[in-house]
Amino acid sequence: MSHVVLHDDAANRRLMLLALAGHLAPQVWQQGADAALARLGHLAGYRDFDDAVTGIAANDCHQNVGLRGCYTATGVIRVEDTSPKTLKEIQLNRFTRPVARLAFGRLEPDRKLFHVQLDP
């Protein structure tokens, strides 16, 4: 840490504040040490390891991370995530349409061309 307080260096800002407060009120050092010991074993706000595993697993099962592509009636291949948020629309032309047919077979409106699921 330098003499300049950086906004993205929270750990060193906390230490600097503790040092300043401890210089003015020495009992703050003990309070700071007690608080640090109380936080040992806590992970990102979870009480313990088992609580963290449960919380992370519960969050992950709802993420549904993946991609899918479908052909539309307007001659577009729409690539979506599984939310389904459109990530990209690829307008086919006389050059890309044959390539898409080779890759995906018949291009029929509303046909799902691919689906890649990235989480189990």
PDB file of N, CA and C in Angstrom:
ATOM      1  N   MET A   1       0.850  -1.183   0.000  1.00  0.00           N
ATOM      2  CA  MET A   1       0.000   0.000   0.000  1.00  0.00           C
ATOM      3  C   MET A   1       0.887   1.235   0.000  1.00  0.00           C
ATOM      4  N   SER A   2       0.496   2.203  -0.765  1.00  0.00           N
ATOM      5  CA  SER A   2       1.255   3.452  -0.821  1.00  0.00           C
ATOM      6  C   SER A   2       0.584   4.486   0.070  1.00  0.00           C
ATOM      7  N   HIS A   3       1.046   5.683  -0.024  1.00  0.00           N
ATOM      8  CA  HIS A   3       0.435   6.770   0.732  1.00  0.00           C
ATOM      9  C   HIS A   3      -0.874   7.232   0.085  1.00  0.00           C
ATOM     10  N   VAL A   4      -1.198   6.671  -1.068  1.00  0.00           N
ATOM     11  CA  VAL A   4      -2.436   7.006  -1.765  1.00  0.00           C
ATOM     12  C   VAL A   4      -3.465   5.917  -1.474  1.00  0.00           C
ATOM     13  N   VAL A   5      -4.636   6.303  -1.013  1.00  0.00           N
ATOM     14  CA  VAL A   5      -5.698   5.348  -0.728  1.00  0.00           C
ATOM     15  C   VAL A   5      -6.433   5.038  -2.030  1.00  0.00           C
ATOM     16  N   LEU A   6      -6.417   3.778  -2.419  1.00  0.00           N
ATOM     17  CA  LEU A   6      -7.052   3.365  -3.659  1.00  0.00           C
ATOM     18  C   LEU A   6      -8.432   2.803  -3.378  1.00  0.00           C
ATOM     19  N   HIS A   7      -9.391   3.124  -4.226  1.00  0.00           N
ATOM     20  CA  HIS A   7     -10.765   2.674  -4.024  1.00  0.00           C
ATOM     21  C   HIS A   7     -10.923   1.176  -4.217  1.00  0.00           C
ATOM     22  N   ASP A   8     -10.066   0.556  -5.015  1.00  0.00           N
ATOM     23  CA  ASP A   8     -10.225  -0.873  -5.295  1.00  0.00           C
ATOM     24  C   ASP A   8      -9.370  -1.751  -4.386  1.00  0.00           C
ATOM     25  N   ASP A   9      -8.854  -1.205  -3.299  1.00  0.00           N
ATOM     26  CA  ASP A   9      -8.005  -1.958  -2.383  1.00  0.00           C
ATOM     27  C   ASP A   9      -8.627  -1.959  -0.987  1.00  0.00           C
ATOM     28  N   ALA A  10      -9.770  -2.611  -0.866  1.00  0.00           N
ATOM     29  CA  ALA A  10     -10.550  -2.584   0.370  1.00  0.00           C
ATOM     30  C   ALA A  10      -9.785  -3.153   1.557  1.00  0.00           C
ATOM     31  N   ALA A  11      -9.040  -4.229   1.358  1.00  0.00           N
ATOM     32  CA  ALA A  11      -8.330  -4.863   2.473  1.00  0.00           C
ATOM     33  C   ALA A  11      -7.307  -3.902   3.080  1.00  0.00           C
ATOM     34  N   ASN A  12      -6.527  -3.234   2.245  1.00  0.00           N
ATOM     35  CA  ASN A  12      -5.527  -2.305   2.772  1.00  0.00           C
ATOM     36  C   ASN A  12      -6.161  -1.022   3.306  1.00  0.00           C
ATOM     37  N   ARG A  13      -7.275  -0.599   2.743  1.00  0.00           N
ATOM     38  CA  ARG A  13      -7.983   0.562   3.320  1.00  0.00           C
ATOM     39  C   ARG A  13      -8.445   0.235   4.728  1.00  0.00           C
ATOM     40  N   ARG A  14      -8.961  -0.999   4.914  1.00  0.00           N
ATOM     41  CA  ARG A  14      -9.425  -1.423   6.232  1.00  0.00           C
ATOM     42  C   ARG A  14      -8.265  -1.422   7.229  1.00  0.00           C
ATOM     43  N   LEU A  15      -7.090  -1.933   6.805  1.00  0.00           N
ATOM     44  CA  LEU A  15      -5.921  -1.963   7.685  1.00  0.00           C
ATOM     45  C   LEU A  15      -5.437  -0.560   8.032  1.00  0.00           C
ATOM     46  N   MET A  16      -5.459   0.331   7.030  1.00  0.00           N
ATOM     47  CA  MET A  16      -5.025   1.691   7.297  1.00  0.00           C
ATOM     48  C   MET A  16      -5.964   2.374   8.293  1.00  0.00           C
ATOM     49  N   LEU A  17      -7.259   2.175   8.124  1.00  0.00           N
ATOM     50  CA  LEU A  17      -8.224   2.769   9.049  1.00  0.00           C
ATOM     51  C   LEU A  17      -8.041   2.207  10.451  1.00  0.00           C
ATOM     52  N   LEU A  18      -7.801   0.898  10.557  1.00  0.00           N
ATOM     53  CA  LEU A  18      -7.568   0.272  11.855  1.00  0.00           C
ATOM     54  C   LEU A  18      -6.302   0.833  12.490  1.00  0.00           C
ATOM     55  N   ALA A  19      -5.250   1.016  11.694  1.00  0.00           N
ATOM     56  CA  ALA A  19      -3.998   1.563  12.218  1.00  0.00           C
ATOM     57  C   ALA A  19      -4.194   2.982  12.732  1.00  0.00           C
ATOM     58  N   LEU A  20      -4.918   3.797  11.967  1.00  0.00           N
ATOM     59  CA  LEU A  20      -5.168   5.173  12.417  1.00  0.00           C
ATOM     60  C   LEU A  20      -6.008   5.195  13.689  1.00  0.00           C
ATOM     61  N   ALA A  21      -7.070   4.387  13.687  1.00  0.00           N
ATOM     62  CA  ALA A  21      -7.937   4.341  14.880  1.00  0.00           C
ATOM     63  C   ALA A  21      -7.175   3.762  16.067  1.00  0.00           C
ATOM     64  N   GLY A  22      -6.334   2.724  15.822  1.00  0.00           N
ATOM     65  CA  GLY A  22      -5.557   2.109  16.899  1.00  0.00           C
ATOM     66  C   GLY A  22      -4.521   3.045  17.468  1.00  0.00           C
ATOM     67  N   HIS A  23      -4.006   3.936  16.653  1.00  0.00           N
ATOM     68  CA  HIS A  23      -3.045   4.926  17.143  1.00  0.00           C
ATOM     69  C   HIS A  23      -3.731   5.906  18.100  1.00  0.00           C
ATOM     70  N   LEU A  24      -4.965   6.276  17.764  1.00  0.00           N
ATOM     71  CA  LEU A  24      -5.699   7.235  18.598  1.00  0.00           C
ATOM     72  C   LEU A  24      -6.369   6.585  19.798  1.00  0.00           C
ATOM     73  N   ALA A  25      -6.798   5.341  19.650  1.00  0.00           N
ATOM     74  CA  ALA A  25      -7.485   4.622  20.729  1.00  0.00           C
ATOM     75  C   ALA A  25      -6.964   3.183  20.728  1.00  0.00           C
ATOM     76  N   PRO A  26      -5.934   2.867  21.518  1.00  0.00           N
ATOM     77  CA  PRO A  26      -5.273   1.565  21.472  1.00  0.00           C
ATOM     78  C   PRO A  26      -6.207   0.363  21.680  1.00  0.00           C
ATOM     79  N   GLN A  27      -7.325   0.516  22.360  1.00  0.00           N
ATOM     80  CA  GLN A  27      -8.241  -0.611  22.557  1.00  0.00           C
ATOM     81  C   GLN A  27      -8.864  -1.075  21.235  1.00  0.00           C
ATOM     82  N   VAL A  28      -8.816  -0.251  20.204  1.00  0.00           N
ATOM     83  CA  VAL A  28      -9.359  -0.603  18.894  1.00  0.00           C
ATOM     84  C   VAL A  28      -8.606  -1.790  18.298  1.00  0.00           C
ATOM     85  N   TRP A  29      -7.291  -1.914  18.593  1.00  0.00           N
ATOM     86  CA  TRP A  29      -6.513  -3.037  18.071  1.00  0.00           C
ATOM     87  C   TRP A  29      -7.126  -4.364  18.521  1.00  0.00           C
ATOM     88  N   GLN A  30      -7.467  -4.466  19.815  1.00  0.00           N
ATOM     89  CA  GLN A  30      -8.059  -5.701  20.326  1.00  0.00           C
ATOM     90  C   GLN A  30      -9.429  -5.950  19.702  1.00  0.00           C
ATOM     91  N   GLN A  31     -10.222  -4.891  19.555  1.00  0.00           N
ATOM     92  CA  GLN A  31     -11.541  -5.042  18.934  1.00  0.00           C
ATOM     93  C   GLN A  31     -11.406  -5.499  17.479  1.00  0.00           C
ATOM     94  N   GLY A  32     -10.427  -4.944  16.779  1.00  0.00           N
ATOM     95  CA  GLY A  32     -10.200  -5.341  15.391  1.00  0.00           C
ATOM     96  C   GLY A  32      -9.757  -6.792  15.291  1.00  0.00           C
ATOM     97  N   ALA A  33      -8.882  -7.212  16.198  1.00  0.00           N
ATOM     98  CA  ALA A  33      -8.423  -8.606  16.203  1.00  0.00           C
ATOM     99  C   ALA A  33      -9.581  -9.547  16.523  1.00  0.00           C
ATOM    100  N   ASP A  34     -10.410  -9.184  17.500  1.00  0.00           N
ATOM    101  CA  ASP A  34     -11.569 -10.011  17.855  1.00  0.00           C
ATOM    102  C   ASP A  34     -12.535 -10.148  16.674  1.00  0.00           C
ATOM    103  N   ALA A  35     -12.767  -9.043  15.960  1.00  0.00           N
ATOM    104  CA  ALA A  35     -13.678  -9.072  14.805  1.00  0.00           C
ATOM    105  C   ALA A  35     -13.113  -9.945  13.695  1.00  0.00           C
ATOM    106  N   ALA A  36     -11.793  -9.866  13.460  1.00  0.00           N
ATOM    107  CA  ALA A  36     -11.168 -10.696  12.419  1.00  0.00           C
ATOM    108  C   ALA A  36     -11.272 -12.172  12.778  1.00  0.00           C
ATOM    109  N   LEU A  37     -11.049 -12.508  14.055  1.00  0.00           N
ATOM    110  CA  LEU A  37     -11.172 -13.905  14.490  1.00  0.00           C
ATOM    111  C   LEU A  37     -12.610 -14.399  14.356  1.00  0.00           C
ATOM    112  N   ALA A  38     -13.563 -13.551  14.604  1.00  0.00           N
ATOM    113  CA  ALA A  38     -14.976 -13.945  14.492  1.00  0.00           C
ATOM    114  C   ALA A  38     -15.356 -14.238  13.040  1.00  0.00           C
ATOM    115  N   ARG A  39     -14.662 -13.580  12.091  1.00  0.00           N
ATOM    116  CA  ARG A  39     -14.961 -13.795  10.670  1.00  0.00           C
ATOM    117  C   ARG A  39     -14.266 -15.020  10.086  1.00  0.00           C
ATOM    118  N   LEU A  40     -13.339 -15.614  10.807  1.00  0.00           N
ATOM    119  CA  LEU A  40     -12.639 -16.792  10.295  1.00  0.00           C
ATOM    120  C   LEU A  40     -13.637 -17.897   9.989  1.00  0.00           C
ATOM    121  N   GLY A  41     -13.466 -18.534   8.862  1.00  0.00           N
ATOM    122  CA  GLY A  41     -14.349 -19.626   8.484  1.00  0.00           C
ATOM    123  C   GLY A  41     -15.598 -19.181   7.756  1.00  0.00           C
ATOM    124  N   HIS A  42     -15.828 -17.889   7.649  1.00  0.00           N
ATOM    125  CA  HIS A  42     -16.985 -17.371   6.919  1.00  0.00           C
ATOM    126  C   HIS A  42     -16.584 -17.151   5.472  1.00  0.00           C
ATOM    127  N   LEU A  43     -17.443 -17.537   4.576  1.00  0.00           N
ATOM    128  CA  LEU A  43     -17.158 -17.404   3.154  1.00  0.00           C
ATOM    129  C   LEU A  43     -18.274 -16.604   2.501  1.00  0.00           C
ATOM    130  N   ALA A  44     -17.961 -15.399   2.068  1.00  0.00           N
ATOM    131  CA  ALA A  44     -18.897 -14.559   1.316  1.00  0.00           C
ATOM    132  C   ALA A  44     -20.263 -14.450   1.980  1.00  0.00           C
ATOM    133  N   GLY A  45     -20.270 -14.299   3.282  1.00  0.00           N
ATOM    134  CA  GLY A  45     -21.535 -14.119   3.994  1.00  0.00           C
ATOM    135  C   GLY A  45     -22.189 -15.410   4.446  1.00  0.00           C
ATOM    136  N   TYR A  46     -21.616 -16.573   4.102  1.00  0.00           N
ATOM    137  CA  TYR A  46     -22.163 -17.851   4.557  1.00  0.00           C
ATOM    138  C   TYR A  46     -21.620 -18.167   5.944  1.00  0.00           C
ATOM    139  N   ARG A  47     -22.414 -18.859   6.766  1.00  0.00           N
ATOM    140  CA  ARG A  47     -22.021 -19.164   8.144  1.00  0.00           C
ATOM    141  C   ARG A  47     -20.861 -20.142   8.221  1.00  0.00           C
ATOM    142  N   ASP A  48     -20.855 -21.147   7.343  1.00  0.00           N
ATOM    143  CA  ASP A  48     -19.806 -22.161   7.357  1.00  0.00           C
ATOM    144  C   ASP A  48     -19.729 -22.807   5.974  1.00  0.00           C
ATOM    145  N   PHE A  49     -18.841 -23.812   5.840  1.00  0.00           N
ATOM    146  CA  PHE A  49     -18.626 -24.447   4.550  1.00  0.00           C
ATOM    147  C   PHE A  49     -19.910 -25.084   4.017  1.00  0.00           C
ATOM    148  N   ASP A  50     -20.624 -25.820   4.850  1.00  0.00           N
ATOM    149  CA  ASP A  50     -21.851 -26.490   4.410  1.00  0.00           C
ATOM    150  C   ASP A  50     -22.899 -25.486   3.939  1.00  0.00           C
ATOM    151  N   ASP A  51     -23.014 -24.375   4.656  1.00  0.00           N
ATOM    152  CA  ASP A  51     -23.957 -23.327   4.257  1.00  0.00           C
ATOM    153  C   ASP A  51     -23.554 -22.736   2.903  1.00  0.00           C
ATOM    154  N   ALA A  52     -22.244 -22.573   2.676  1.00  0.00           N
ATOM    155  CA  ALA A  52     -21.762 -22.043   1.392  1.00  0.00           C
ATOM    156  C   ALA A  52     -22.069 -23.013   0.258  1.00  0.00           C
ATOM    157  N   VAL A  53     -21.826 -24.306   0.473  1.00  0.00           N
ATOM    158  CA  VAL A  53     -22.109 -25.307  -0.560  1.00  0.00           C
ATOM    159  C   VAL A  53     -23.591 -25.295  -0.907  1.00  0.00           C
ATOM    160  N   THR A  54     -24.447 -25.259   0.103  1.00  0.00           N
ATOM    161  CA  THR A  54     -25.892 -25.243  -0.131  1.00  0.00           C
ATOM    162  C   THR A  54     -26.310 -23.993  -0.895  1.00  0.00           C
ATOM    163  N   GLY A  55     -25.810 -22.843  -0.482  1.00  0.00           N
ATOM    164  CA  GLY A  55     -26.178 -21.585  -1.137  1.00  0.00           C
ATOM    165  C   GLY A  55     -25.696 -21.506  -2.568  1.00  0.00           C
ATOM    166  N   ILE A  56     -24.465 -21.942  -2.804  1.00  0.00           N
ATOM    167  CA  ILE A  56     -23.912 -21.887  -4.151  1.00  0.00           C
ATOM    168  C   ILE A  56     -24.622 -22.884  -5.057  1.00  0.00           C
ATOM    169  N   ALA A  57     -24.891 -24.080  -4.552  1.00  0.00           N
ATOM    170  CA  ALA A  57     -25.593 -25.088  -5.357  1.00  0.00           C
ATOM    171  C   ALA A  57     -27.008 -24.631  -5.681  1.00  0.00           C
ATOM    172  N   ALA A  58     -27.688 -24.014  -4.726  1.00  0.00           N
ATOM    173  CA  ALA A  58     -29.052 -23.540  -4.976  1.00  0.00           C
ATOM    174  C   ALA A  58     -29.054 -22.442  -6.027  1.00  0.00           C
ATOM    175  N   ASN A  59     -28.062 -21.567  -5.985  1.00  0.00           N
ATOM    176  CA  ASN A  59     -27.969 -20.501  -6.975  1.00  0.00           C
ATOM    177  C   ASN A  59     -27.641 -21.076  -8.346  1.00  0.00           C
ATOM    178  N   ASP A  60     -26.702 -22.023  -8.408  1.00  0.00           N
ATOM    179  CA  ASP A  60     -26.261 -22.569  -9.679  1.00  0.00           C
ATOM    180  C   ASP A  60     -27.374 -23.308 -10.401  1.00  0.00           C
ATOM    181  N   CYS A  61     -28.220 -24.010  -9.663  1.00  0.00           N
ATOM    182  CA  CYS A  61     -29.243 -24.804 -10.341  1.00  0.00           C
ATOM    183  C   CYS A  61     -30.277 -23.925 -11.038  1.00  0.00           C
ATOM    184  N   HIS A  62     -30.268 -22.640 -10.748  1.00  0.00           N
ATOM    185  CA  HIS A  62     -31.214 -21.746 -11.401  1.00  0.00           C
ATOM    186  C   HIS A  62     -30.586 -20.911 -12.504  1.00  0.00           C
ATOM    187  N   GLN A  63     -29.284 -21.058 -12.717  1.00  0.00           N
ATOM    188  CA  GLN A  63     -28.613 -20.240 -13.719  1.00  0.00           C
ATOM    189  C   GLN A  63     -28.887 -20.722 -15.136  1.00  0.00           C
ATOM    190  N   ASN A  64     -28.893 -22.039 -15.337  1.00  0.00           N
ATOM    191  CA  ASN A  64     -29.162 -22.603 -16.659  1.00  0.00           C
ATOM    192  C   ASN A  64     -28.331 -21.920 -17.742  1.00  0.00           C
ATOM    193  N   VAL A  65     -27.050 -22.071 -17.644  1.00  0.00           N
ATOM    194  CA  VAL A  65     -26.125 -21.418 -18.555  1.00  0.00           C
ATOM    195  C   VAL A  65     -26.002 -22.244 -19.833  1.00  0.00           C
ATOM    196  N   GLY A  66     -26.283 -21.642 -20.957  1.00  0.00           N
ATOM    197  CA  GLY A  66     -26.176 -22.337 -22.224  1.00  0.00           C
ATOM    198  C   GLY A  66     -26.503 -21.430 -23.393  1.00  0.00           C
ATOM    199  N   LEU A  67     -26.403 -22.000 -24.581  1.00  0.00           N
ATOM    200  CA  LEU A  67     -26.712 -21.277 -25.820  1.00  0.00           C
ATOM    201  C   LEU A  67     -27.635 -22.130 -26.667  1.00  0.00           C
ATOM    202  N   ARG A  68     -28.466 -21.476 -27.444  1.00  0.00           N
ATOM    203  CA  ARG A  68     -29.270 -22.197 -28.424  1.00  0.00           C
ATOM    204  C   ARG A  68     -29.452 -21.303 -29.641  1.00  0.00           C
ATOM    205  N   GLY A  69     -29.653 -21.962 -30.756  1.00  0.00           N
ATOM    206  CA  GLY A  69     -29.847 -21.232 -32.001  1.00  0.00           C
ATOM    207  C   GLY A  69     -31.069 -21.760 -32.720  1.00  0.00           C
ATOM    208  N   CYS A  70     -31.828 -20.865 -33.321  1.00  0.00           N
ATOM    209  CA  CYS A  70     -32.996 -21.300 -34.095  1.00  0.00           C
ATOM    210  C   CYS A  70     -33.073 -20.469 -35.376  1.00  0.00           C
ATOM    211  N   TYR A  71     -33.695 -21.076 -36.361  1.00  0.00           N
ATOM    212  CA  TYR A  71     -33.883 -20.418 -37.651  1.00  0.00           C
ATOM    213  C   TYR A  71     -35.258 -19.766 -37.635  1.00  0.00           C
ATOM    214  N   THR A  72     -35.347 -18.544 -38.097  1.00  0.00           N
ATOM    215  CA  THR A  72     -36.617 -17.817 -38.069  1.00  0.00           C
ATOM    216  C   THR A  72     -37.219 -17.717 -39.468  1.00  0.00           C
ATOM    217  N   ALA A  73     -38.475 -17.323 -39.512  1.00  0.00           N
ATOM    218  CA  ALA A  73     -39.186 -17.174 -40.789  1.00  0.00           C
ATOM    219  C   ALA A  73     -38.611 -16.038 -41.638  1.00  0.00           C
ATOM    220  N   THR A  74     -37.829 -15.169 -41.016  1.00  0.00           N
ATOM    221  CA  THR A  74     -37.254 -14.043 -41.756  1.00  0.00           C
ATOM    222  C   THR A  74     -35.862 -14.344 -42.300  1.00  0.00           C
ATOM    223  N   GLY A  75     -35.439 -15.615 -42.230  1.00  0.00           N
ATOM    224  CA  GLY A  75     -34.132 -15.990 -42.758  1.00  0.00           C
ATOM    225  C   GLY A  75     -32.976 -15.636 -41.852  1.00  0.00           C
ATOM    226  N   VAL A  76     -33.228 -15.606 -40.559  1.00  0.00           N
ATOM    227  CA  VAL A  76     -32.220 -15.229 -39.570  1.00  0.00           C
ATOM    228  C   VAL A  76     -31.942 -16.425 -38.667  1.00  0.00           C
ATOM    229  N   ILE A  77     -30.694 -16.628 -38.326  1.00  0.00           N
ATOM    230  CA  ILE A  77     -30.359 -17.561 -37.249  1.00  0.00           C
ATOM    231  C   ILE A  77     -30.216 -16.714 -35.992  1.00  0.00           C
ATOM    232  N   ARG A  78     -31.085 -16.993 -35.023  1.00  0.00           N
ATOM    233  CA  ARG A  78     -31.073 -16.243 -33.761  1.00  0.00           C
ATOM    234  C   ARG A  78     -30.350 -17.082 -32.712  1.00  0.00           C
ATOM    235  N   VAL A  79     -29.306 -16.498 -32.116  1.00  0.00           N
ATOM    236  CA  VAL A  79     -28.560 -17.158 -31.048  1.00  0.00           C
ATOM    237  C   VAL A  79     -28.997 -16.522 -29.734  1.00  0.00           C
ATOM    238  N   GLU A  80     -29.443 -17.382 -28.803  1.00  0.00           N
ATOM    239  CA  GLU A  80     -29.961 -16.905 -27.514  1.00  0.00           C
ATOM    240  C   GLU A  80     -29.223 -17.607 -26.389  1.00  0.00           C
ATOM    241  N   ASP A  81     -29.207 -16.951 -25.219  1.00  0.00           N
ATOM    242  CA  ASP A  81     -28.817 -17.706 -24.041  1.00  0.00           C
ATOM    243  C   ASP A  81     -30.082 -18.382 -23.530  1.00  0.00           C
ATOM    244  N   THR A  82     -30.001 -19.107 -22.448  1.00  0.00           N
ATOM    245  CA  THR A  82     -31.162 -19.883 -22.010  1.00  0.00           C
ATOM    246  C   THR A  82     -32.129 -19.078 -21.149  1.00  0.00           C
ATOM    247  N   SER A  83     -31.993 -17.745 -21.150  1.00  0.00           N
ATOM    248  CA  SER A  83     -32.922 -16.939 -20.358  1.00  0.00           C
ATOM    249  C   SER A  83     -34.291 -16.663 -20.997  1.00  0.00           C
ATOM    250  N   PRO A  84     -34.602 -16.600 -22.241  1.00  0.00           N
ATOM    251  CA  PRO A  84     -33.822 -16.518 -23.477  1.00  0.00           C
ATOM    252  C   PRO A  84     -33.598 -15.075 -23.912  1.00  0.00           C
ATOM    253  N   LYS A  85     -32.410 -14.609 -23.768  1.00  0.00           N
ATOM    254  CA  LYS A  85     -32.013 -13.284 -24.233  1.00  0.00           C
ATOM    255  C   LYS A  85     -31.313 -13.459 -25.577  1.00  0.00           C
ATOM    256  N   THR A  86     -31.701 -12.662 -26.574  1.00  0.00           N
ATOM    257  CA  THR A  86     -31.065 -12.746 -27.888  1.00  0.00           C
ATOM    258  C   THR A  86     -29.662 -12.163 -27.800  1.00  0.00           C
ATOM    259  N   LEU A  87     -28.673 -12.979 -28.156  1.00  0.00           N
ATOM    260  CA  LEU A  87     -27.287 -12.540 -28.138  1.00  0.00           C
ATOM    261  C   LEU A  87     -26.827 -12.038 -29.500  1.00  0.00           C
ATOM    262  N   LYS A  88     -27.331 -12.689 -30.550  1.00  0.00           N
ATOM    263  CA  LYS A  88     -26.896 -12.335 -31.898  1.00  0.00           C
ATOM    264  C   LYS A  88     -27.940 -12.803 -32.896  1.00  0.00           C
ATOM    265  N   GLU A  89     -28.169 -12.029 -33.926  1.00  0.00           N
ATOM    266  CA  GLU A  89     -29.009 -12.436 -35.043  1.00  0.00           C
ATOM    267  C   GLU A  89     -28.150 -12.398 -36.294  1.00  0.00           C
ATOM    268  N   ILE A  90     -28.089 -13.536 -36.971  1.00  0.00           N
ATOM    269  CA  ILE A  90     -27.250 -13.654 -38.159  1.00  0.00           C
ATOM    270  C   ILE A  90     -28.160 -13.727 -39.384  1.00  0.00           C
ATOM    271  N   GLN A  91     -28.148 -12.681 -40.180  1.00  0.00           N
ATOM    272  CA  GLN A  91     -28.954 -12.635 -41.398  1.00  0.00           C
ATOM    273  C   GLN A  91     -28.251 -13.470 -42.458  1.00  0.00           C
ATOM    274  N   LEU A  92     -28.932 -14.507 -42.948  1.00  0.00           N
ATOM    275  CA  LEU A  92     -28.330 -15.363 -43.966  1.00  0.00           C
ATOM    276  C   LEU A  92     -28.452 -14.719 -45.343  1.00  0.00           C
ATOM    277  N   ASN A  93     -27.456 -14.962 -46.171  1.00  0.00           N
ATOM    278  CA  ASN A  93     -27.469 -14.454 -47.544  1.00  0.00           C
ATOM    279  C   ASN A  93     -27.151 -15.618 -48.485  1.00  0.00           C
ATOM    280  N   ARG A  94     -26.946 -15.338 -49.743  1.00  0.00           N
ATOM    281  CA  ARG A  94     -26.760 -16.415 -50.719  1.00  0.00           C
ATOM    282  C   ARG A  94     -25.467 -17.198 -50.487  1.00  0.00           C
ATOM    283  N   PHE A  95     -24.552 -16.644 -49.718  1.00  0.00           N
ATOM    284  CA  PHE A  95     -23.313 -17.355 -49.413  1.00  0.00           C
ATOM    285  C   PHE A  95     -23.420 -18.134 -48.095  1.00  0.00           C
ATOM    286  N   THR A  96     -24.028 -17.513 -47.093  1.00  0.00           N
ATOM    287  CA  THR A  96     -24.080 -18.152 -45.770  1.00  0.00           C
ATOM    288  C   THR A  96     -25.202 -19.181 -45.647  1.00  0.00           C
ATOM    289  N   ARG A  97     -26.261 -19.044 -46.440  1.00  0.00           N
ATOM    290  CA  ARG A  97     -27.380 -19.999 -46.368  1.00  0.00           C
ATOM    291  C   ARG A  97     -26.917 -21.423 -46.699  1.00  0.00           C
ATOM    292  N   PRO A  98     -26.145 -21.654 -47.799  1.00  0.00           N
ATOM    293  CA  PRO A  98     -25.670 -23.024 -48.072  1.00  0.00           C
ATOM    294  C   PRO A  98     -24.765 -23.572 -46.956  1.00  0.00           C
ATOM    295  N   VAL A  99     -23.961 -22.720 -46.377  1.00  0.00           N
ATOM    296  CA  VAL A  99     -23.094 -23.149 -45.281  1.00  0.00           C
ATOM    297  C   VAL A  99     -23.947 -23.565 -44.080  1.00  0.00           C
ATOM    298  N   ALA A 100     -24.987 -22.777 -43.783  1.00  0.00           N
ATOM    299  CA  ALA A 100     -25.885 -23.114 -42.677  1.00  0.00           C
ATOM    300  C   ALA A 100     -26.613 -24.430 -42.953  1.00  0.00           C
ATOM    301  N   ARG A 101     -27.020 -24.662 -44.208  1.00  0.00           N
ATOM    302  CA  ARG A 101     -27.687 -25.926 -44.561  1.00  0.00           C
ATOM    303  C   ARG A 101     -26.738 -27.112 -44.367  1.00  0.00           C
ATOM    304  N   LEU A 102     -25.473 -26.937 -44.749  1.00  0.00           N
ATOM    305  CA  LEU A 102     -24.493 -28.005 -44.542  1.00  0.00           C
ATOM    306  C   LEU A 102     -24.307 -28.298 -43.051  1.00  0.00           C
ATOM    307  N   ALA A 103     -24.297 -27.252 -42.259  1.00  0.00           N
ATOM    308  CA  ALA A 103     -24.064 -27.410 -40.823  1.00  0.00           C
ATOM    309  C   ALA A 103     -25.284 -27.941 -40.078  1.00  0.00           C
ATOM    310  N   PHE A 104     -26.491 -27.481 -40.447  1.00  0.00           N
ATOM    311  CA  PHE A 104     -27.684 -27.770 -39.648  1.00  0.00           C
ATOM    312  C   PHE A 104     -28.763 -28.564 -40.383  1.00  0.00           C
ATOM    313  N   GLY A 105     -28.605 -28.807 -41.665  1.00  0.00           N
ATOM    314  CA  GLY A 105     -29.647 -29.505 -42.423  1.00  0.00           C
ATOM    315  C   GLY A 105     -30.711 -28.522 -42.898  1.00  0.00           C
ATOM    316  N   ARG A 106     -31.939 -29.017 -43.040  1.00  0.00           N
ATOM    317  CA  ARG A 106     -33.037 -28.170 -43.555  1.00  0.00           C
ATOM    318  C   ARG A 106     -33.261 -26.959 -42.650  1.00  0.00           C
ATOM    319  N   LEU A 107     -33.445 -25.823 -43.282  1.00  0.00           N
ATOM    320  CA  LEU A 107     -33.712 -24.590 -42.557  1.00  0.00           C
ATOM    321  C   LEU A 107     -35.213 -24.307 -42.627  1.00  0.00           C
ATOM    322  N   GLU A 108     -35.906 -24.655 -41.558  1.00  0.00           N
ATOM    323  CA  GLU A 108     -37.354 -24.448 -41.488  1.00  0.00           C
ATOM    324  C   GLU A 108     -37.635 -23.430 -40.392  1.00  0.00           C
ATOM    325  N   PRO A 109     -38.613 -22.538 -40.609  1.00  0.00           N
ATOM    326  CA  PRO A 109     -38.940 -21.534 -39.602  1.00  0.00           C
ATOM    327  C   PRO A 109     -39.230 -22.163 -38.237  1.00  0.00           C
ATOM    328  N   ASP A 110     -38.693 -21.532 -37.211  1.00  0.00           N
ATOM    329  CA  ASP A 110     -38.864 -21.927 -35.807  1.00  0.00           C
ATOM    330  C   ASP A 110     -38.204 -23.259 -35.468  1.00  0.00           C
ATOM    331  N   ARG A 111     -37.293 -23.725 -36.309  1.00  0.00           N
ATOM    332  CA  ARG A 111     -36.578 -24.972 -36.027  1.00  0.00           C
ATOM    333  C   ARG A 111     -35.361 -24.670 -35.161  1.00  0.00           C
ATOM    334  N   LYS A 112     -35.214 -25.456 -34.085  1.00  0.00           N
ATOM    335  CA  LYS A 112     -34.035 -25.328 -33.232  1.00  0.00           C
ATOM    336  C   LYS A 112     -32.864 -25.970 -33.958  1.00  0.00           C
ATOM    337  N   LEU A 113     -31.789 -25.215 -34.162  1.00  0.00           N
ATOM    338  CA  LEU A 113     -30.625 -25.703 -34.894  1.00  0.00           C
ATOM    339  C   LEU A 113     -29.569 -26.313 -33.967  1.00  0.00           C
ATOM    340  N   PHE A 114     -29.424 -25.726 -32.800  1.00  0.00           N
ATOM    341  CA  PHE A 114     -28.470 -26.270 -31.827  1.00  0.00           C
ATOM    342  C   PHE A 114     -28.853 -25.810 -30.432  1.00  0.00           C
ATOM    343  N   HIS A 115     -28.372 -26.570 -29.459  1.00  0.00           N
ATOM    344  CA  HIS A 115     -28.578 -26.246 -28.046  1.00  0.00           C
ATOM    345  C   HIS A 115     -27.377 -26.791 -27.299  1.00  0.00           C
ATOM    346  N   VAL A 116     -26.641 -25.911 -26.635  1.00  0.00           N
ATOM    347  CA  VAL A 116     -25.475 -26.298 -25.856  1.00  0.00           C
ATOM    348  C   VAL A 116     -25.745 -25.895 -24.416  1.00  0.00           C
ATOM    349  N   GLN A 117     -25.788 -26.874 -23.527  1.00  0.00           N
ATOM    350  CA  GLN A 117     -26.034 -26.614 -22.112  1.00  0.00           C
ATOM    351  C   GLN A 117     -24.695 -26.654 -21.392  1.00  0.00           C
ATOM    352  N   LEU A 118     -24.313 -25.579 -20.706  1.00  0.00           N
ATOM    353  CA  LEU A 118     -22.991 -25.486 -20.094  1.00  0.00           C
ATOM    354  C   LEU A 118     -22.977 -25.840 -18.617  1.00  0.00           C
ATOM    355  N   ASP A 119     -24.118 -25.972 -17.996  1.00  0.00           N
ATOM    356  CA  ASP A 119     -24.146 -26.443 -16.610  1.00  0.00           C
ATOM    357  C   ASP A 119     -24.855 -27.787 -16.575  1.00  0.00           C
ATOM    358  N   PRO A 120     -24.559 -28.601 -15.564  1.00  0.00           N
ATOM    359  CA  PRO A 120     -25.135 -29.954 -15.539  1.00  0.00           C
ATOM    360  C   PRO A 120     -26.618 -29.976 -15.316  1.00  0.00           C
TER     361      PRO A 120
END
